[in-house]
């Protein structure tokens, strides 16, 4: 995360909230209540899938050919 924050800037990070806790997270009123959501999300409950890269755009140089 240090690539996203300049020295002295407020540090922020991602928080994964369980679906049944969304309303509570969005409506919490105190720092202590917000901190109660800062727990590691169980790895066995996470899922990931590959997302394909979009097709590359071809570029044409000044001679009208596609560089290799």
N, C-alpha and C. Protein backbone atom coordinates (compact mmCIF):
# COMPACT_ATOMS: atom_id res chain seq x y z
N UNK A 1 0.81 -1.20 0.00
CA UNK A 1 0.00 0.00 0.00
C UNK A 1 0.86 1.26 0.00
N UNK A 2 2.15 1.15 0.31
CA UNK A 2 2.97 2.37 0.38
C UNK A 2 3.07 3.06 -0.97
N UNK A 3 2.84 2.34 -2.07
CA UNK A 3 2.88 2.97 -3.39
C UNK A 3 1.71 3.93 -3.58
N UNK A 4 0.66 3.77 -2.79
CA UNK A 4 -0.53 4.59 -2.95
C UNK A 4 -0.57 5.78 -2.01
N UNK A 5 0.32 5.83 -1.04
CA UNK A 5 0.27 6.88 -0.03
C UNK A 5 1.59 7.63 0.04
N UNK A 6 1.49 8.95 0.04
CA UNK A 6 2.67 9.77 0.24
C UNK A 6 2.96 9.81 1.73
N UNK A 7 4.22 10.02 2.11
CA UNK A 7 4.53 10.14 3.54
C UNK A 7 3.67 11.23 4.17
N UNK A 8 3.07 10.92 5.31
CA UNK A 8 2.22 11.87 6.01
C UNK A 8 0.76 11.82 5.61
N UNK A 9 0.43 11.17 4.48
CA UNK A 9 -0.97 11.04 4.07
C UNK A 9 -1.69 10.05 4.96
N UNK A 10 -3.00 10.23 5.06
CA UNK A 10 -3.82 9.28 5.81
C UNK A 10 -3.75 7.92 5.12
N UNK A 11 -3.54 6.88 5.90
CA UNK A 11 -3.42 5.53 5.34
C UNK A 11 -4.79 4.88 5.32
N UNK A 12 -5.13 4.24 4.22
CA UNK A 12 -6.39 3.53 4.08
C UNK A 12 -6.10 2.16 3.49
N UNK A 13 -7.01 1.26 3.72
CA UNK A 13 -6.85 -0.09 3.20
C UNK A 13 -8.23 -0.68 2.92
N UNK A 14 -8.23 -1.83 2.32
CA UNK A 14 -9.46 -2.53 1.98
C UNK A 14 -10.00 -3.24 3.21
N UNK A 15 -11.31 -3.21 3.40
CA UNK A 15 -11.97 -3.97 4.45
C UNK A 15 -13.00 -4.86 3.76
N UNK A 16 -12.92 -6.15 3.99
CA UNK A 16 -13.91 -7.08 3.44
C UNK A 16 -14.98 -7.28 4.51
N UNK A 17 -16.20 -6.92 4.18
CA UNK A 17 -17.32 -7.02 5.13
C UNK A 17 -18.25 -8.13 4.65
N UNK A 18 -18.65 -8.99 5.56
CA UNK A 18 -19.59 -10.06 5.22
C UNK A 18 -20.89 -9.43 4.71
N UNK A 19 -21.55 -10.09 3.76
CA UNK A 19 -22.80 -9.53 3.21
C UNK A 19 -23.84 -9.18 4.28
N UNK A 20 -23.94 -9.98 5.33
CA UNK A 20 -24.94 -9.69 6.36
C UNK A 20 -24.52 -8.54 7.27
N UNK A 21 -23.33 -7.99 7.09
CA UNK A 21 -22.86 -6.88 7.90
C UNK A 21 -22.78 -5.56 7.16
N UNK A 22 -23.19 -5.52 5.88
CA UNK A 22 -23.07 -4.30 5.08
C UNK A 22 -23.79 -3.11 5.71
N UNK A 23 -25.04 -3.29 6.11
CA UNK A 23 -25.79 -2.17 6.69
C UNK A 23 -25.15 -1.68 7.99
N UNK A 24 -24.71 -2.63 8.82
CA UNK A 24 -24.06 -2.24 10.08
C UNK A 24 -22.78 -1.44 9.80
N UNK A 25 -21.99 -1.88 8.83
CA UNK A 25 -20.75 -1.19 8.46
C UNK A 25 -21.04 0.22 7.97
N UNK A 26 -22.02 0.34 7.09
CA UNK A 26 -22.33 1.64 6.51
C UNK A 26 -22.95 2.61 7.51
N UNK A 27 -23.58 2.08 8.54
CA UNK A 27 -24.28 2.93 9.50
C UNK A 27 -23.60 3.05 10.85
N UNK A 28 -22.39 2.50 11.02
CA UNK A 28 -21.75 2.59 12.33
C UNK A 28 -21.40 4.05 12.64
N UNK A 29 -21.51 4.40 13.91
CA UNK A 29 -21.36 5.79 14.32
C UNK A 29 -20.09 6.07 15.11
N UNK A 30 -19.39 5.04 15.53
CA UNK A 30 -18.21 5.30 16.36
C UNK A 30 -16.99 4.58 15.79
N UNK A 31 -15.84 5.08 16.15
CA UNK A 31 -14.58 4.46 15.73
C UNK A 31 -14.47 3.05 16.26
N UNK A 32 -14.88 2.85 17.51
CA UNK A 32 -14.80 1.51 18.10
C UNK A 32 -15.71 0.53 17.37
N UNK A 33 -16.89 0.98 16.99
CA UNK A 33 -17.80 0.12 16.25
C UNK A 33 -17.21 -0.22 14.88
N UNK A 34 -16.60 0.76 14.22
CA UNK A 34 -15.97 0.52 12.92
C UNK A 34 -14.81 -0.46 13.05
N UNK A 35 -14.04 -0.33 14.13
CA UNK A 35 -12.90 -1.23 14.34
C UNK A 35 -13.34 -2.68 14.51
N UNK A 36 -14.56 -2.89 14.99
CA UNK A 36 -15.03 -4.27 15.20
C UNK A 36 -15.13 -5.03 13.88
N UNK A 37 -15.14 -4.33 12.76
CA UNK A 37 -15.20 -4.97 11.45
C UNK A 37 -13.81 -5.32 10.91
N UNK A 38 -12.76 -4.86 11.55
CA UNK A 38 -11.40 -5.06 11.05
C UNK A 38 -10.84 -6.40 11.50
N UNK A 39 -11.37 -7.45 10.91
CA UNK A 39 -10.92 -8.82 11.19
C UNK A 39 -10.50 -9.46 9.88
N UNK A 40 -9.61 -10.43 9.97
CA UNK A 40 -9.22 -11.15 8.76
C UNK A 40 -10.41 -11.95 8.25
N UNK A 41 -10.67 -11.84 6.97
CA UNK A 41 -11.75 -12.60 6.35
C UNK A 41 -11.22 -14.01 6.12
N UNK A 42 -11.98 -15.04 6.49
CA UNK A 42 -11.49 -16.41 6.35
C UNK A 42 -11.16 -16.77 4.89
N UNK A 43 -9.97 -17.27 4.66
CA UNK A 43 -9.52 -17.60 3.31
C UNK A 43 -10.44 -18.61 2.64
N UNK A 44 -10.96 -19.56 3.41
CA UNK A 44 -11.81 -20.60 2.81
C UNK A 44 -13.15 -20.04 2.32
N UNK A 45 -13.50 -18.83 2.73
CA UNK A 45 -14.74 -18.21 2.27
C UNK A 45 -14.52 -17.28 1.08
N UNK A 46 -13.27 -17.10 0.66
CA UNK A 46 -12.97 -16.24 -0.48
C UNK A 46 -12.94 -17.08 -1.75
N UNK A 47 -13.22 -16.43 -2.85
CA UNK A 47 -13.16 -17.09 -4.15
C UNK A 47 -12.55 -16.11 -5.15
N UNK A 48 -11.80 -16.64 -6.07
CA UNK A 48 -11.19 -15.80 -7.10
C UNK A 48 -11.31 -16.51 -8.44
N UNK A 49 -11.34 -15.73 -9.49
CA UNK A 49 -11.38 -16.31 -10.82
C UNK A 49 -10.55 -15.43 -11.75
N UNK A 50 -10.03 -16.05 -12.77
CA UNK A 50 -9.21 -15.32 -13.73
C UNK A 50 -10.10 -14.40 -14.57
N UNK A 51 -9.60 -13.24 -14.86
CA UNK A 51 -10.31 -12.30 -15.70
C UNK A 51 -9.45 -12.09 -16.94
N UNK A 52 -9.97 -12.36 -18.13
CA UNK A 52 -9.14 -12.28 -19.34
C UNK A 52 -8.72 -10.85 -19.65
N UNK A 53 -7.53 -10.73 -20.20
CA UNK A 53 -7.07 -9.42 -20.66
C UNK A 53 -7.90 -9.00 -21.86
N UNK A 54 -8.18 -7.70 -22.00
CA UNK A 54 -8.89 -7.25 -23.20
C UNK A 54 -7.98 -7.39 -24.41
N UNK A 55 -8.54 -7.52 -25.60
CA UNK A 55 -7.70 -7.63 -26.80
C UNK A 55 -6.82 -6.39 -26.96
N UNK A 56 -5.61 -6.61 -27.44
CA UNK A 56 -4.69 -5.48 -27.66
C UNK A 56 -5.14 -4.67 -28.85
N UNK A 57 -4.95 -3.37 -28.74
CA UNK A 57 -5.23 -2.49 -29.87
C UNK A 57 -3.99 -2.45 -30.74
N UNK A 58 -4.20 -2.58 -32.02
CA UNK A 58 -3.06 -2.52 -32.95
C UNK A 58 -2.68 -1.06 -33.18
N UNK A 59 -1.39 -0.82 -33.21
CA UNK A 59 -0.90 0.52 -33.53
C UNK A 59 -0.25 0.47 -34.90
N UNK A 60 -0.43 1.53 -35.62
CA UNK A 60 0.16 1.62 -36.96
C UNK A 60 1.13 2.78 -36.96
N UNK A 61 2.37 2.52 -37.43
CA UNK A 61 3.37 3.58 -37.44
C UNK A 61 3.18 4.51 -38.64
N UNK A 62 4.08 5.47 -38.79
CA UNK A 62 3.97 6.49 -39.84
C UNK A 62 4.01 5.90 -41.24
N UNK A 63 4.61 4.71 -41.40
CA UNK A 63 4.68 4.11 -42.74
C UNK A 63 3.43 3.31 -43.07
N UNK A 64 2.50 3.21 -42.11
CA UNK A 64 1.26 2.48 -42.36
C UNK A 64 1.35 1.01 -42.04
N UNK A 65 2.43 0.58 -41.37
CA UNK A 65 2.57 -0.83 -41.02
C UNK A 65 2.45 -1.00 -39.51
N UNK A 66 2.16 -2.21 -39.12
CA UNK A 66 2.06 -2.53 -37.70
C UNK A 66 3.43 -2.93 -37.20
N UNK A 67 3.99 -2.21 -36.21
CA UNK A 67 5.30 -2.59 -35.68
C UNK A 67 5.22 -3.94 -34.96
N UNK A 68 6.32 -4.68 -34.98
CA UNK A 68 6.34 -5.98 -34.31
C UNK A 68 7.07 -5.90 -33.01
